[in-house]
Amino acid sequence: MWEDCAVRAAILATGRRKLIFSGPLTEGRVTFQMLSARAEGYKVHVVADACGGLTPVSHDLSMRRMEAAGSRRRGIQVLPGLQHDWTPHETYDGARAIVEAHGGG
């Protein structure tokens, strides 16, 4: 069900087995890509507040479907978790700008 073979190939080339998903249309693209990744044995995290559904109800139902299929729901806090150490100057400004624009910081 992977929609983009080039993206799938790039992911496979990394050798990593954990993926983080977000994007528009939780009910479609995000859910189907996540289900495809889970079917291939990937550990999957979905950043719920970085996805958009047609309605709040349909977004929530899609999130529940993905959780039932084995994904882990995350929020914007995934970014500080990835940054972890705020001393690297090459990533600090970009990470902080995202938190300020979208995380209420």
N, C-alpha and C. Protein backbone atom coordinates (compact mmCIF):
# COMPACT_ATOMS: atom_id res chain seq x y z
N MET A 1 0.81 -1.20 0.00
CA MET A 1 0.00 0.00 0.00
C MET A 1 0.86 1.26 0.00
N TRP A 2 2.18 1.12 0.11
CA TRP A 2 3.03 2.30 0.06
C TRP A 2 2.69 3.06 -1.22
N GLU A 3 2.43 4.35 -1.11
CA GLU A 3 2.01 5.13 -2.27
C GLU A 3 3.17 5.60 -3.12
N ASP A 4 4.35 5.71 -2.55
CA ASP A 4 5.48 6.23 -3.28
C ASP A 4 6.64 5.26 -3.17
N CYS A 5 6.93 4.56 -4.26
CA CYS A 5 7.99 3.54 -4.24
C CYS A 5 9.36 4.14 -3.96
N ALA A 6 9.59 5.37 -4.41
CA ALA A 6 10.89 6.02 -4.16
C ALA A 6 11.07 6.31 -2.67
N VAL A 7 10.00 6.74 -2.00
CA VAL A 7 10.07 6.99 -0.56
C VAL A 7 10.31 5.68 0.17
N ARG A 8 9.59 4.64 -0.20
CA ARG A 8 9.77 3.33 0.43
C ARG A 8 11.22 2.86 0.25
N ALA A 9 11.76 3.00 -0.94
CA ALA A 9 13.14 2.59 -1.20
C ALA A 9 14.13 3.38 -0.36
N ALA A 10 13.87 4.69 -0.21
CA ALA A 10 14.77 5.52 0.60
C ALA A 10 14.71 5.10 2.06
N ILE A 11 13.51 4.78 2.55
CA ILE A 11 13.38 4.32 3.94
C ILE A 11 14.10 2.99 4.12
N LEU A 12 13.89 2.06 3.20
CA LEU A 12 14.58 0.77 3.28
C LEU A 12 16.09 0.94 3.29
N ALA A 13 16.59 1.88 2.51
CA ALA A 13 18.04 2.10 2.40
C ALA A 13 18.66 2.57 3.71
N THR A 14 17.86 3.19 4.58
CA THR A 14 18.42 3.66 5.85
C THR A 14 18.69 2.51 6.81
N GLY A 15 17.95 1.41 6.65
CA GLY A 15 18.09 0.29 7.56
C GLY A 15 17.41 0.50 8.91
N ARG A 16 16.78 1.63 9.08
CA ARG A 16 16.10 1.91 10.35
C ARG A 16 14.75 1.23 10.40
N ARG A 17 14.32 0.88 11.60
CA ARG A 17 13.06 0.16 11.77
C ARG A 17 12.01 0.94 12.55
N LYS A 18 12.29 2.21 12.88
CA LYS A 18 11.33 3.07 13.55
C LYS A 18 11.02 4.25 12.64
N LEU A 19 9.73 4.54 12.49
CA LEU A 19 9.30 5.64 11.64
C LEU A 19 8.38 6.56 12.41
N ILE A 20 8.41 7.84 12.06
CA ILE A 20 7.51 8.83 12.63
C ILE A 20 6.69 9.41 11.49
N PHE A 21 5.36 9.34 11.61
CA PHE A 21 4.47 9.83 10.58
C PHE A 21 3.70 11.05 11.04
N SER A 22 3.42 11.94 10.10
CA SER A 22 2.48 13.04 10.28
C SER A 22 2.12 13.52 8.89
N GLY A 23 1.11 14.35 8.80
CA GLY A 23 0.76 14.90 7.51
C GLY A 23 -0.71 15.23 7.39
N PRO A 24 -1.07 15.77 6.24
CA PRO A 24 -2.48 16.10 6.02
C PRO A 24 -3.28 14.83 5.76
N LEU A 25 -4.54 14.91 6.00
CA LEU A 25 -5.51 13.85 5.77
C LEU A 25 -5.17 12.58 6.57
N THR A 26 -5.38 12.70 7.86
CA THR A 26 -5.15 11.57 8.78
C THR A 26 -5.89 10.34 8.30
N GLU A 27 -7.12 10.53 7.80
CA GLU A 27 -7.97 9.40 7.41
C GLU A 27 -7.45 8.66 6.18
N GLY A 28 -6.60 9.28 5.41
CA GLY A 28 -6.12 8.67 4.17
C GLY A 28 -4.64 8.40 4.20
N ARG A 29 -3.89 9.36 3.75
CA ARG A 29 -2.45 9.18 3.58
C ARG A 29 -1.74 8.70 4.84
N VAL A 30 -1.97 9.36 5.93
CA VAL A 30 -1.24 9.01 7.16
C VAL A 30 -1.60 7.59 7.59
N THR A 31 -2.89 7.29 7.64
CA THR A 31 -3.33 5.96 8.08
C THR A 31 -2.80 4.87 7.15
N PHE A 32 -2.95 5.03 5.86
CA PHE A 32 -2.57 3.97 4.94
C PHE A 32 -1.06 3.75 4.90
N GLN A 33 -0.29 4.83 4.96
CA GLN A 33 1.16 4.66 4.99
C GLN A 33 1.60 3.96 6.27
N MET A 34 0.98 4.36 7.39
CA MET A 34 1.31 3.75 8.67
C MET A 34 0.97 2.27 8.67
N LEU A 35 -0.22 1.92 8.14
CA LEU A 35 -0.61 0.51 8.09
C LEU A 35 0.34 -0.30 7.21
N SER A 36 0.80 0.28 6.11
CA SER A 36 1.77 -0.40 5.24
C SER A 36 3.08 -0.64 5.97
N ALA A 37 3.53 0.37 6.69
CA ALA A 37 4.79 0.23 7.44
C ALA A 37 4.66 -0.82 8.53
N ARG A 38 3.56 -0.80 9.25
CA ARG A 38 3.33 -1.80 10.32
C ARG A 38 3.30 -3.21 9.73
N ALA A 39 2.66 -3.36 8.56
CA ALA A 39 2.58 -4.67 7.91
C ALA A 39 3.95 -5.21 7.56
N GLU A 40 4.92 -4.31 7.38
CA GLU A 40 6.29 -4.72 7.09
C GLU A 40 7.17 -4.77 8.33
N GLY A 41 6.54 -4.64 9.49
CA GLY A 41 7.28 -4.83 10.74
C GLY A 41 7.93 -3.60 11.33
N TYR A 42 7.63 -2.42 10.81
CA TYR A 42 8.21 -1.20 11.36
C TYR A 42 7.52 -0.83 12.67
N LYS A 43 8.29 -0.25 13.58
CA LYS A 43 7.72 0.37 14.78
C LYS A 43 7.35 1.79 14.34
N VAL A 44 6.10 2.18 14.59
CA VAL A 44 5.58 3.42 14.03
C VAL A 44 5.04 4.33 15.12
N HIS A 45 5.39 5.61 15.02
CA HIS A 45 4.86 6.66 15.87
C HIS A 45 4.13 7.64 14.97
N VAL A 46 2.98 8.12 15.43
CA VAL A 46 2.20 9.11 14.67
C VAL A 46 2.07 10.35 15.54
N VAL A 47 2.49 11.49 15.00
CA VAL A 47 2.41 12.76 15.73
C VAL A 47 1.01 13.33 15.50
N ALA A 48 0.13 13.08 16.45
CA ALA A 48 -1.30 13.37 16.29
C ALA A 48 -1.57 14.84 16.03
N ASP A 49 -0.86 15.74 16.71
CA ASP A 49 -1.16 17.15 16.53
C ASP A 49 -0.40 17.77 15.36
N ALA A 50 0.26 16.92 14.56
CA ALA A 50 0.89 17.38 13.33
C ALA A 50 0.20 16.72 12.13
N CYS A 51 -1.00 16.20 12.36
CA CYS A 51 -1.83 15.62 11.32
C CYS A 51 -3.13 16.41 11.24
N GLY A 52 -3.78 16.33 10.11
CA GLY A 52 -5.04 17.03 9.97
C GLY A 52 -6.09 16.14 9.36
N GLY A 53 -7.24 16.09 10.00
CA GLY A 53 -8.35 15.30 9.49
C GLY A 53 -9.42 16.19 8.90
N LEU A 54 -10.35 15.56 8.21
CA LEU A 54 -11.47 16.31 7.66
C LEU A 54 -12.33 16.90 8.75
N THR A 55 -12.50 16.15 9.83
CA THR A 55 -13.24 16.62 11.00
C THR A 55 -12.51 16.13 12.24
N PRO A 56 -12.74 16.74 13.39
CA PRO A 56 -12.11 16.23 14.61
C PRO A 56 -12.49 14.77 14.90
N VAL A 57 -13.73 14.40 14.61
CA VAL A 57 -14.17 13.03 14.86
C VAL A 57 -13.44 12.05 13.94
N SER A 58 -13.37 12.36 12.65
CA SER A 58 -12.71 11.44 11.72
C SER A 58 -11.21 11.35 12.02
N HIS A 59 -10.60 12.45 12.43
CA HIS A 59 -9.19 12.42 12.83
C HIS A 59 -9.01 11.49 14.03
N ASP A 60 -9.87 11.65 15.04
CA ASP A 60 -9.77 10.82 16.24
C ASP A 60 -9.99 9.34 15.91
N LEU A 61 -10.97 9.05 15.07
CA LEU A 61 -11.22 7.65 14.70
C LEU A 61 -10.02 7.06 13.95
N SER A 62 -9.40 7.85 13.10
CA SER A 62 -8.21 7.37 12.38
C SER A 62 -7.06 7.13 13.34
N MET A 63 -6.88 8.03 14.30
CA MET A 63 -5.84 7.83 15.29
C MET A 63 -6.08 6.54 16.09
N ARG A 64 -7.33 6.30 16.44
CA ARG A 64 -7.66 5.07 17.17
C ARG A 64 -7.38 3.83 16.32
N ARG A 65 -7.72 3.91 15.04
CA ARG A 65 -7.45 2.78 14.14
C ARG A 65 -5.96 2.49 14.07
N MET A 66 -5.15 3.54 13.97
CA MET A 66 -3.70 3.34 13.89
C MET A 66 -3.15 2.79 15.20
N GLU A 67 -3.66 3.27 16.32
CA GLU A 67 -3.22 2.73 17.61
C GLU A 67 -3.58 1.26 17.73
N ALA A 68 -4.78 0.89 17.29
CA ALA A 68 -5.20 -0.51 17.34
C ALA A 68 -4.29 -1.38 16.47
N ALA A 69 -3.73 -0.79 15.42
CA ALA A 69 -2.83 -1.52 14.53
C ALA A 69 -1.39 -1.51 15.03
N GLY A 70 -1.14 -0.85 16.15
CA GLY A 70 0.19 -0.91 16.74
C GLY A 70 1.01 0.36 16.71
N SER A 71 0.44 1.45 16.22
CA SER A 71 1.21 2.70 16.25
C SER A 71 1.17 3.29 17.66
N ARG A 72 2.08 4.20 17.91
CA ARG A 72 2.11 4.91 19.18
C ARG A 72 1.81 6.37 18.90
N ARG A 73 0.85 6.92 19.61
CA ARG A 73 0.45 8.32 19.43
C ARG A 73 1.45 9.22 20.13
N ARG A 74 1.85 10.25 19.43
CA ARG A 74 2.77 11.24 19.98
C ARG A 74 2.20 12.62 19.71
N GLY A 75 2.76 13.61 20.37
CA GLY A 75 2.39 14.99 20.14
C GLY A 75 3.63 15.80 19.79
N ILE A 76 3.49 17.11 19.79
CA ILE A 76 4.60 17.99 19.43
C ILE A 76 5.83 17.74 20.29
N GLN A 77 5.63 17.11 21.45
CA GLN A 77 6.77 16.83 22.33
C GLN A 77 7.77 15.88 21.68
N VAL A 78 7.43 15.27 20.56
CA VAL A 78 8.38 14.42 19.87
C VAL A 78 9.59 15.23 19.40
N LEU A 79 9.37 16.49 19.05
CA LEU A 79 10.48 17.33 18.59
C LEU A 79 11.53 17.56 19.68
N PRO A 80 11.14 18.02 20.88
CA PRO A 80 12.17 18.15 21.91
C PRO A 80 12.85 16.82 22.22
N GLY A 81 12.11 15.73 22.08
CA GLY A 81 12.71 14.42 22.30
C GLY A 81 13.77 14.10 21.26
N LEU A 82 13.53 14.50 20.02
CA LEU A 82 14.54 14.29 18.97
C LEU A 82 15.73 15.23 19.15
N GLN A 83 15.45 16.46 19.52
CA GLN A 83 16.52 17.43 19.74
C GLN A 83 17.34 17.02 20.96
N HIS A 84 16.67 16.59 22.01
CA HIS A 84 17.23 16.07 23.25
C HIS A 84 18.24 17.02 23.90
N ASP A 85 19.33 17.25 23.22
CA ASP A 85 20.38 18.12 23.75
C ASP A 85 20.29 19.45 23.00
N TRP A 86 19.99 20.51 23.72
CA TRP A 86 19.75 21.80 23.08
C TRP A 86 21.04 22.59 22.85
N THR A 87 22.20 21.98 23.04
CA THR A 87 23.45 22.71 22.83
C THR A 87 23.97 22.70 21.38
N PRO A 88 23.61 21.73 20.53
CA PRO A 88 24.13 21.77 19.15
C PRO A 88 23.57 22.97 18.38
N HIS A 89 24.42 23.88 18.03
CA HIS A 89 23.98 25.11 17.38
C HIS A 89 23.41 24.88 15.98
N GLU A 90 23.85 23.83 15.30
CA GLU A 90 23.38 23.61 13.93
C GLU A 90 21.91 23.19 13.87
N THR A 91 21.34 22.70 14.95
CA THR A 91 19.93 22.29 14.95
C THR A 91 19.06 23.11 15.91
N TYR A 92 19.68 23.86 16.80
CA TYR A 92 18.94 24.57 17.85
C TYR A 92 17.93 25.56 17.28
N ASP A 93 18.36 26.45 16.40
CA ASP A 93 17.47 27.50 15.90
C ASP A 93 16.27 26.93 15.16
N GLY A 94 16.49 25.91 14.33
CA GLY A 94 15.38 25.31 13.58
C GLY A 94 14.39 24.62 14.49
N ALA A 95 14.89 23.87 15.47
CA ALA A 95 14.00 23.17 16.40
C ALA A 95 13.22 24.16 17.25
N ARG A 96 13.89 25.19 17.72
CA ARG A 96 13.21 26.19 18.54
C ARG A 96 12.13 26.92 17.74
N ALA A 97 12.42 27.22 16.48
CA ALA A 97 11.43 27.91 15.64
C ALA A 97 10.17 27.07 15.46
N ILE A 98 10.32 25.77 15.31
CA ILE A 98 9.16 24.89 15.17
C ILE A 98 8.34 24.88 16.46
N VAL A 99 9.01 24.77 17.60
CA VAL A 99 8.31 24.76 18.88
C VAL A 99 7.59 26.09 19.10
N GLU A 100 8.25 27.20 18.78
CA GLU A 100 7.61 28.50 18.96
C GLU A 100 6.39 28.68 18.05
N ALA A 101 6.51 28.21 16.81
CA ALA A 101 5.41 28.40 15.85
C ALA A 101 4.24 27.45 16.09
N HIS A 102 4.53 26.24 16.57
CA HIS A 102 3.48 25.24 16.61
C HIS A 102 3.25 24.62 17.98
N GLY A 103 4.12 24.90 18.92
CA GLY A 103 4.00 24.24 20.22
C GLY A 103 3.54 25.13 21.34
N GLY A 104 3.15 26.33 21.03
CA GLY A 104 2.68 27.23 22.06
C GLY A 104 3.79 27.82 22.90
N GLY A 105 5.04 27.70 22.42
CA GLY A 105 6.20 28.18 23.19
C GLY A 105 6.51 29.62 22.95
